[in-house]
């Protein structure tokens, strides 16, 4: 073997050793980055506000959706305390969506009631016009 191939073999051996030594550190950093999502404080505040907003007049018109939103925000707070930030964020987002659904269902119920009132008024007007 000549001197160049010996130097190349030594360099390759050092690179392999370095790679095997740094691989666990890189893997640990990557796993640590995934596990340590920042606390979803903004999302929690937005979701809590959405649940509170839906708890107003919408509460009686969409009770199932509102109950689901409330349960999810409570569970999200529990996960936040347990440092499961990713789970807390997911549940907070779901709670916000459930609250928006509750508000939409409440608007739908109110719109249907208003439509029924208009239809009843039209029927009364037609009946009055026919009886003249």
N, C-alpha and C. Protein backbone atom coordinates (compact mmCIF):
# COMPACT_ATOMS: atom_id res chain seq x y z
N UNK A 1 0.83 -1.17 0.00
CA UNK A 1 0.00 0.00 0.00
C UNK A 1 0.88 1.24 0.00
N UNK A 2 0.45 2.20 -0.74
CA UNK A 2 1.24 3.42 -0.77
C UNK A 2 0.76 4.36 0.33
N UNK A 3 1.47 5.44 0.50
CA UNK A 3 1.21 6.40 1.58
C UNK A 3 -0.16 7.07 1.42
N UNK A 4 -0.57 7.38 0.20
CA UNK A 4 -1.85 8.06 -0.04
C UNK A 4 -3.02 7.18 0.37
N UNK A 5 -3.00 5.91 0.02
CA UNK A 5 -4.11 5.03 0.39
C UNK A 5 -4.14 4.79 1.89
N UNK A 6 -2.99 4.78 2.56
CA UNK A 6 -2.96 4.63 4.01
C UNK A 6 -3.59 5.85 4.68
N UNK A 7 -3.25 7.04 4.18
CA UNK A 7 -3.82 8.27 4.74
C UNK A 7 -5.33 8.31 4.51
N UNK A 8 -5.77 7.87 3.33
CA UNK A 8 -7.20 7.84 3.04
C UNK A 8 -7.93 6.87 3.95
N UNK A 9 -7.34 5.72 4.21
CA UNK A 9 -7.94 4.73 5.10
C UNK A 9 -8.04 5.26 6.52
N UNK A 10 -6.98 5.96 6.97
CA UNK A 10 -7.02 6.53 8.32
C UNK A 10 -8.08 7.63 8.42
N UNK A 11 -8.16 8.45 7.38
CA UNK A 11 -9.17 9.52 7.37
C UNK A 11 -10.59 8.94 7.39
N UNK A 12 -10.81 7.90 6.59
CA UNK A 12 -12.11 7.25 6.56
C UNK A 12 -12.45 6.64 7.91
N UNK A 13 -11.49 6.04 8.58
CA UNK A 13 -11.72 5.44 9.90
C UNK A 13 -12.08 6.53 10.91
N UNK A 14 -11.40 7.68 10.86
CA UNK A 14 -11.71 8.79 11.78
C UNK A 14 -13.12 9.33 11.52
N UNK A 15 -13.49 9.45 10.26
CA UNK A 15 -14.84 9.93 9.92
C UNK A 15 -15.90 8.98 10.43
N UNK A 16 -15.69 7.69 10.28
CA UNK A 16 -16.66 6.70 10.78
C UNK A 16 -16.79 6.79 12.30
N UNK A 17 -15.67 6.90 12.98
CA UNK A 17 -15.69 7.00 14.43
C UNK A 17 -16.44 8.25 14.87
N UNK A 18 -16.15 9.36 14.21
CA UNK A 18 -16.82 10.60 14.54
C UNK A 18 -18.33 10.49 14.29
N UNK A 19 -18.70 9.87 13.19
CA UNK A 19 -20.12 9.71 12.87
C UNK A 19 -20.82 8.87 13.93
N UNK A 20 -20.20 7.78 14.35
CA UNK A 20 -20.83 6.92 15.36
C UNK A 20 -20.90 7.58 16.72
N UNK A 21 -19.97 8.48 16.99
CA UNK A 21 -20.00 9.19 18.27
C UNK A 21 -21.04 10.31 18.28
N UNK A 22 -21.23 10.96 17.16
CA UNK A 22 -22.17 12.08 17.12
C UNK A 22 -23.60 11.67 16.82
N UNK A 23 -23.80 10.50 16.24
CA UNK A 23 -25.14 10.06 15.89
C UNK A 23 -26.09 10.01 17.09
N UNK A 24 -25.70 9.45 18.23
CA UNK A 24 -26.63 9.46 19.38
C UNK A 24 -26.98 10.88 19.85
N UNK A 25 -26.02 11.77 19.80
CA UNK A 25 -26.28 13.15 20.22
C UNK A 25 -27.27 13.83 19.28
N UNK A 26 -27.11 13.60 17.99
CA UNK A 26 -28.03 14.19 17.01
C UNK A 26 -29.42 13.60 17.19
N UNK A 27 -29.50 12.29 17.40
CA UNK A 27 -30.80 11.65 17.61
C UNK A 27 -31.48 12.18 18.87
N UNK A 28 -30.72 12.36 19.93
CA UNK A 28 -31.28 12.88 21.18
C UNK A 28 -31.80 14.31 20.99
N UNK A 29 -31.06 15.13 20.27
CA UNK A 29 -31.51 16.50 20.01
C UNK A 29 -32.78 16.51 19.17
N UNK A 30 -32.84 15.64 18.17
CA UNK A 30 -34.02 15.59 17.32
C UNK A 30 -35.25 15.14 18.11
N UNK A 31 -35.09 14.12 18.94
CA UNK A 31 -36.21 13.66 19.76
C UNK A 31 -36.61 14.71 20.79
N UNK A 32 -35.64 15.37 21.36
CA UNK A 32 -35.93 16.42 22.33
C UNK A 32 -36.68 17.58 21.71
N UNK A 33 -36.34 17.91 20.49
CA UNK A 33 -37.03 19.01 19.80
C UNK A 33 -38.49 18.66 19.54
N UNK A 34 -38.74 17.40 19.22
CA UNK A 34 -40.13 16.97 18.97
C UNK A 34 -40.93 16.95 20.26
N UNK A 35 -40.33 16.54 21.34
CA UNK A 35 -41.05 16.36 22.60
C UNK A 35 -41.31 17.68 23.32
N UNK A 36 -40.53 18.68 23.01
CA UNK A 36 -40.67 19.92 23.78
C UNK A 36 -41.33 21.02 22.95
N UNK A 37 -42.53 20.77 22.53
CA UNK A 37 -43.29 21.81 21.83
C UNK A 37 -43.59 22.92 22.84
N UNK A 38 -43.58 24.16 22.39
CA UNK A 38 -43.84 25.26 23.33
C UNK A 38 -45.28 25.20 23.84
N UNK A 39 -45.50 25.69 25.04
CA UNK A 39 -46.86 25.69 25.59
C UNK A 39 -47.80 26.50 24.70
N UNK A 40 -48.98 25.97 24.43
CA UNK A 40 -49.91 26.66 23.52
C UNK A 40 -50.75 27.71 24.24
N UNK A 41 -50.10 28.65 24.88
CA UNK A 41 -50.82 29.63 25.69
C UNK A 41 -51.76 30.50 24.85
N UNK A 42 -51.32 30.90 23.67
CA UNK A 42 -52.18 31.72 22.81
C UNK A 42 -53.39 30.93 22.35
N UNK A 43 -53.14 29.69 21.91
CA UNK A 43 -54.25 28.85 21.45
C UNK A 43 -55.23 28.57 22.59
N UNK A 44 -54.71 28.36 23.79
CA UNK A 44 -55.59 28.12 24.94
C UNK A 44 -56.47 29.34 25.20
N UNK A 45 -55.88 30.53 25.11
CA UNK A 45 -56.66 31.75 25.35
C UNK A 45 -57.73 31.93 24.28
N UNK A 46 -57.35 31.70 23.03
CA UNK A 46 -58.31 31.85 21.92
C UNK A 46 -59.44 30.83 22.07
N UNK A 47 -59.09 29.60 22.39
CA UNK A 47 -60.09 28.55 22.53
C UNK A 47 -61.02 28.81 23.71
N UNK A 48 -60.45 29.24 24.83
CA UNK A 48 -61.27 29.55 26.00
C UNK A 48 -62.24 30.69 25.70
N UNK A 49 -61.76 31.68 24.98
CA UNK A 49 -62.64 32.80 24.60
C UNK A 49 -63.75 32.33 23.68
N UNK A 50 -63.44 31.42 22.76
CA UNK A 50 -64.46 30.90 21.84
C UNK A 50 -65.52 30.12 22.61
N UNK A 51 -65.09 29.33 23.60
CA UNK A 51 -66.04 28.57 24.41
C UNK A 51 -66.92 29.51 25.22
N UNK A 52 -66.33 30.54 25.80
CA UNK A 52 -67.11 31.52 26.57
C UNK A 52 -68.12 32.25 25.68
N UNK A 53 -67.67 32.63 24.48
CA UNK A 53 -68.56 33.33 23.55
C UNK A 53 -69.74 32.44 23.16
N UNK A 54 -69.46 31.17 22.94
CA UNK A 54 -70.53 30.23 22.56
C UNK A 54 -71.44 29.91 23.74
N UNK A 55 -70.99 30.17 24.95
CA UNK A 55 -71.79 29.86 26.14
C UNK A 55 -72.91 30.86 26.37
N UNK A 56 -72.92 31.94 25.62
CA UNK A 56 -73.97 32.94 25.78
C UNK A 56 -75.31 32.43 25.27
N UNK A 57 -75.90 33.11 24.33
CA UNK A 57 -77.21 32.72 23.83
C UNK A 57 -77.21 31.37 23.13
N UNK A 58 -76.06 30.94 22.67
CA UNK A 58 -75.98 29.67 21.94
C UNK A 58 -76.13 28.45 22.84
N UNK A 59 -75.95 28.63 24.11
CA UNK A 59 -75.91 27.49 25.03
C UNK A 59 -77.17 26.62 24.96
N UNK A 60 -78.32 27.23 24.89
CA UNK A 60 -79.56 26.45 24.88
C UNK A 60 -79.87 25.87 23.50
N UNK A 61 -79.30 26.46 22.46
CA UNK A 61 -79.63 26.03 21.10
C UNK A 61 -78.67 24.99 20.54
N UNK A 62 -77.52 24.79 21.16
CA UNK A 62 -76.55 23.78 20.70
C UNK A 62 -75.86 23.17 21.91
N UNK A 63 -76.61 22.52 22.78
CA UNK A 63 -76.01 22.04 24.03
C UNK A 63 -74.96 20.95 23.85
N UNK A 64 -75.15 20.06 22.90
CA UNK A 64 -74.19 18.96 22.73
C UNK A 64 -72.83 19.47 22.26
N UNK A 65 -72.85 20.36 21.29
CA UNK A 65 -71.60 20.91 20.77
C UNK A 65 -70.88 21.74 21.83
N UNK A 66 -71.66 22.51 22.58
CA UNK A 66 -71.07 23.33 23.63
C UNK A 66 -70.49 22.47 24.75
N UNK A 67 -71.18 21.40 25.10
CA UNK A 67 -70.66 20.49 26.13
C UNK A 67 -69.36 19.85 25.67
N UNK A 68 -69.30 19.48 24.42
CA UNK A 68 -68.07 18.90 23.87
C UNK A 68 -66.92 19.91 23.92
N UNK A 69 -67.20 21.15 23.56
CA UNK A 69 -66.17 22.20 23.60
C UNK A 69 -65.67 22.41 25.03
N UNK A 70 -66.61 22.46 25.97
CA UNK A 70 -66.22 22.66 27.38
C UNK A 70 -65.36 21.51 27.90
N UNK A 71 -65.75 20.28 27.57
CA UNK A 71 -64.97 19.11 28.01
C UNK A 71 -63.56 19.14 27.43
N UNK A 72 -63.47 19.52 26.17
CA UNK A 72 -62.15 19.53 25.53
C UNK A 72 -61.26 20.62 26.09
N UNK A 73 -61.81 21.77 26.43
CA UNK A 73 -60.97 22.84 26.98
C UNK A 73 -60.50 22.47 28.39
N UNK A 74 -61.36 21.78 29.15
CA UNK A 74 -60.95 21.31 30.48
C UNK A 74 -59.82 20.29 30.34
N UNK A 75 -59.99 19.35 29.42
CA UNK A 75 -58.95 18.32 29.20
C UNK A 75 -57.66 18.96 28.67
N UNK A 76 -57.79 19.96 27.81
CA UNK A 76 -56.59 20.66 27.30
C UNK A 76 -55.83 21.33 28.44
N UNK A 77 -56.56 21.92 29.38
CA UNK A 77 -55.90 22.53 30.55
C UNK A 77 -55.19 21.48 31.39
N UNK A 78 -55.80 20.31 31.53
CA UNK A 78 -55.16 19.22 32.27
C UNK A 78 -53.88 18.77 31.57
N UNK A 79 -53.92 18.66 30.25
CA UNK A 79 -52.73 18.26 29.51
C UNK A 79 -51.65 19.33 29.58
N UNK A 80 -52.06 20.58 29.61
CA UNK A 80 -51.09 21.68 29.74
C UNK A 80 -50.35 21.59 31.07
N UNK A 81 -51.09 21.30 32.13
CA UNK A 81 -50.48 21.13 33.46
C UNK A 81 -49.53 19.93 33.46
N UNK A 82 -49.91 18.87 32.72
CA UNK A 82 -49.10 17.66 32.64
C UNK A 82 -47.93 17.81 31.65
N UNK A 83 -47.77 18.99 31.08
CA UNK A 83 -46.69 19.31 30.14
C UNK A 83 -46.80 18.58 28.81
N UNK A 84 -48.01 18.13 28.47
CA UNK A 84 -48.26 17.54 27.14
C UNK A 84 -48.74 18.67 26.24
N UNK A 85 -47.79 19.48 25.80
CA UNK A 85 -48.14 20.69 25.04
C UNK A 85 -48.78 20.37 23.70
N UNK A 86 -48.30 19.34 23.03
CA UNK A 86 -48.87 18.99 21.73
C UNK A 86 -50.32 18.52 21.89
N UNK A 87 -50.58 17.69 22.88
CA UNK A 87 -51.94 17.23 23.15
C UNK A 87 -52.85 18.36 23.57
N UNK A 88 -52.32 19.26 24.38
CA UNK A 88 -53.10 20.41 24.83
C UNK A 88 -53.47 21.30 23.64
N UNK A 89 -52.52 21.52 22.75
CA UNK A 89 -52.80 22.34 21.56
C UNK A 89 -53.88 21.70 20.70
N UNK A 90 -53.77 20.39 20.49
CA UNK A 90 -54.75 19.68 19.65
C UNK A 90 -56.15 19.79 20.24
N UNK A 91 -56.27 19.54 21.54
CA UNK A 91 -57.59 19.62 22.18
C UNK A 91 -58.12 21.05 22.23
N UNK A 92 -57.24 22.01 22.41
CA UNK A 92 -57.67 23.41 22.41
C UNK A 92 -58.21 23.79 21.03
N UNK A 93 -57.55 23.33 19.98
CA UNK A 93 -58.03 23.61 18.62
C UNK A 93 -59.38 22.93 18.39
N UNK A 94 -59.53 21.70 18.88
CA UNK A 94 -60.81 21.00 18.74
C UNK A 94 -61.90 21.71 19.54
N UNK A 95 -61.57 22.21 20.72
CA UNK A 95 -62.55 22.94 21.52
C UNK A 95 -63.00 24.20 20.81
N UNK A 96 -62.06 24.89 20.18
CA UNK A 96 -62.40 26.09 19.42
C UNK A 96 -63.33 25.75 18.26
N UNK A 97 -63.03 24.66 17.58
CA UNK A 97 -63.89 24.23 16.45
C UNK A 97 -65.28 23.84 16.94
N UNK A 98 -65.35 23.14 18.06
CA UNK A 98 -66.66 22.76 18.62
C UNK A 98 -67.46 23.99 19.04
N UNK A 99 -66.77 24.98 19.59
CA UNK A 99 -67.46 26.22 19.99
C UNK A 99 -67.99 26.95 18.76
N UNK A 100 -67.19 26.99 17.70
CA UNK A 100 -67.65 27.62 16.46
C UNK A 100 -68.85 26.87 15.89
N UNK A 101 -68.81 25.54 15.98
CA UNK A 101 -69.95 24.74 15.52
C UNK A 101 -71.20 25.03 16.36
N UNK A 102 -71.02 25.17 17.66
CA UNK A 102 -72.16 25.49 18.53
C UNK A 102 -72.77 26.83 18.13
N UNK A 103 -71.93 27.81 17.87
CA UNK A 103 -72.45 29.11 17.45
C UNK A 103 -73.16 29.02 16.10
N UNK A 104 -72.61 28.25 15.18
CA UNK A 104 -73.24 28.10 13.87
C UNK A 104 -74.59 27.39 13.98
N UNK A 105 -74.64 26.35 14.82
CA UNK A 105 -75.91 25.65 15.02
C UNK A 105 -76.94 26.57 15.66
N UNK A 106 -76.50 27.39 16.59
CA UNK A 106 -77.42 28.34 17.24
C UNK A 106 -77.95 29.35 16.23
N UNK A 107 -77.06 29.86 15.37
CA UNK A 107 -77.51 30.79 14.31
C UNK A 107 -78.50 30.10 13.38
N UNK A 108 -78.22 28.86 13.05
CA UNK A 108 -79.12 28.10 12.18
C UNK A 108 -80.49 27.95 12.82
N UNK A 109 -80.51 27.61 14.10
CA UNK A 109 -81.78 27.45 14.82
C UNK A 109 -82.56 28.76 14.85
N UNK A 110 -81.87 29.88 15.13
CA UNK A 110 -82.53 31.18 15.15
C UNK A 110 -83.03 31.57 13.76
N UNK A 111 -82.24 31.27 12.74
CA UNK A 111 -82.66 31.59 11.36
C UNK A 111 -83.89 30.78 10.96
N UNK A 112 -83.92 29.51 11.32
CA UNK A 112 -85.09 28.69 11.02
C UNK A 112 -86.33 29.21 11.74
N UNK A 113 -86.16 29.62 12.99
CA UNK A 113 -87.30 30.17 13.73
C UNK A 113 -87.80 31.45 13.08
N UNK A 114 -86.88 32.32 12.65
CA UNK A 114 -87.29 33.56 11.98
C UNK A 114 -87.97 33.26 10.65
N UNK A 115 -87.45 32.28 9.93
CA UNK A 115 -88.07 31.89 8.66
C UNK A 115 -89.49 31.36 8.89
N UNK A 116 -89.65 30.55 9.91
CA UNK A 116 -90.99 30.03 10.22
C UNK A 116 -91.96 31.15 10.58
N UNK A 117 -91.47 32.16 11.30
CA UNK A 117 -92.33 33.31 11.63
C UNK A 117 -92.76 34.06 10.38
N UNK A 118 -91.83 34.26 9.47
CA UNK A 118 -92.14 34.95 8.21
C UNK A 118 -93.15 34.14 7.42
N UNK A 119 -92.95 32.85 7.34
CA UNK A 119 -93.90 31.98 6.61
C UNK A 119 -95.29 32.04 7.24
N UNK A 120 -95.34 32.02 8.57
CA UNK A 120 -96.64 32.12 9.25
C UNK A 120 -97.31 33.45 8.93
N UNK A 121 -96.54 34.52 8.93
CA UNK A 121 -97.09 35.84 8.60
C UNK A 121 -97.64 35.86 7.18
N UNK A 122 -96.90 35.26 6.26
CA UNK A 122 -97.35 35.21 4.87
C UNK A 122 -98.65 34.42 4.76
N UNK A 123 -98.73 33.29 5.47
CA UNK A 123 -99.96 32.50 5.46
C UNK A 123 -101.14 33.30 6.00
N UNK A 124 -100.93 34.03 7.07
CA UNK A 124 -101.99 34.86 7.66
C UNK A 124 -102.42 35.95 6.71
N UNK A 125 -101.46 36.58 6.04
CA UNK A 125 -101.80 37.62 5.08
C UNK A 125 -102.59 37.05 3.90
N UNK A 126 -102.18 35.90 3.42
CA UNK A 126 -102.91 35.26 2.31
C UNK A 126 -104.33 34.87 2.73
N UNK A 127 -104.43 34.33 3.95
CA UNK A 127 -105.76 33.94 4.45
C UNK A 127 -106.65 35.17 4.60
N UNK A 128 -106.08 36.26 5.07
CA UNK A 128 -106.85 37.49 5.22
C UNK A 128 -107.25 38.05 3.85
N UNK A 129 -106.39 37.94 2.87
CA UNK A 129 -106.68 38.44 1.52
C UNK A 129 -107.75 37.60 0.86
N UNK A 130 -107.76 36.31 1.09
CA UNK A 130 -108.77 35.43 0.49
C UNK A 130 -110.11 35.65 1.13
N UNK A 131 -110.17 35.93 2.42
CA UNK A 131 -111.45 36.10 3.12
C UNK A 131 -112.10 37.43 2.84
N UNK A 132 -111.47 38.34 2.19
CA UNK A 132 -112.07 39.65 1.90
C UNK A 132 -113.01 39.56 0.80
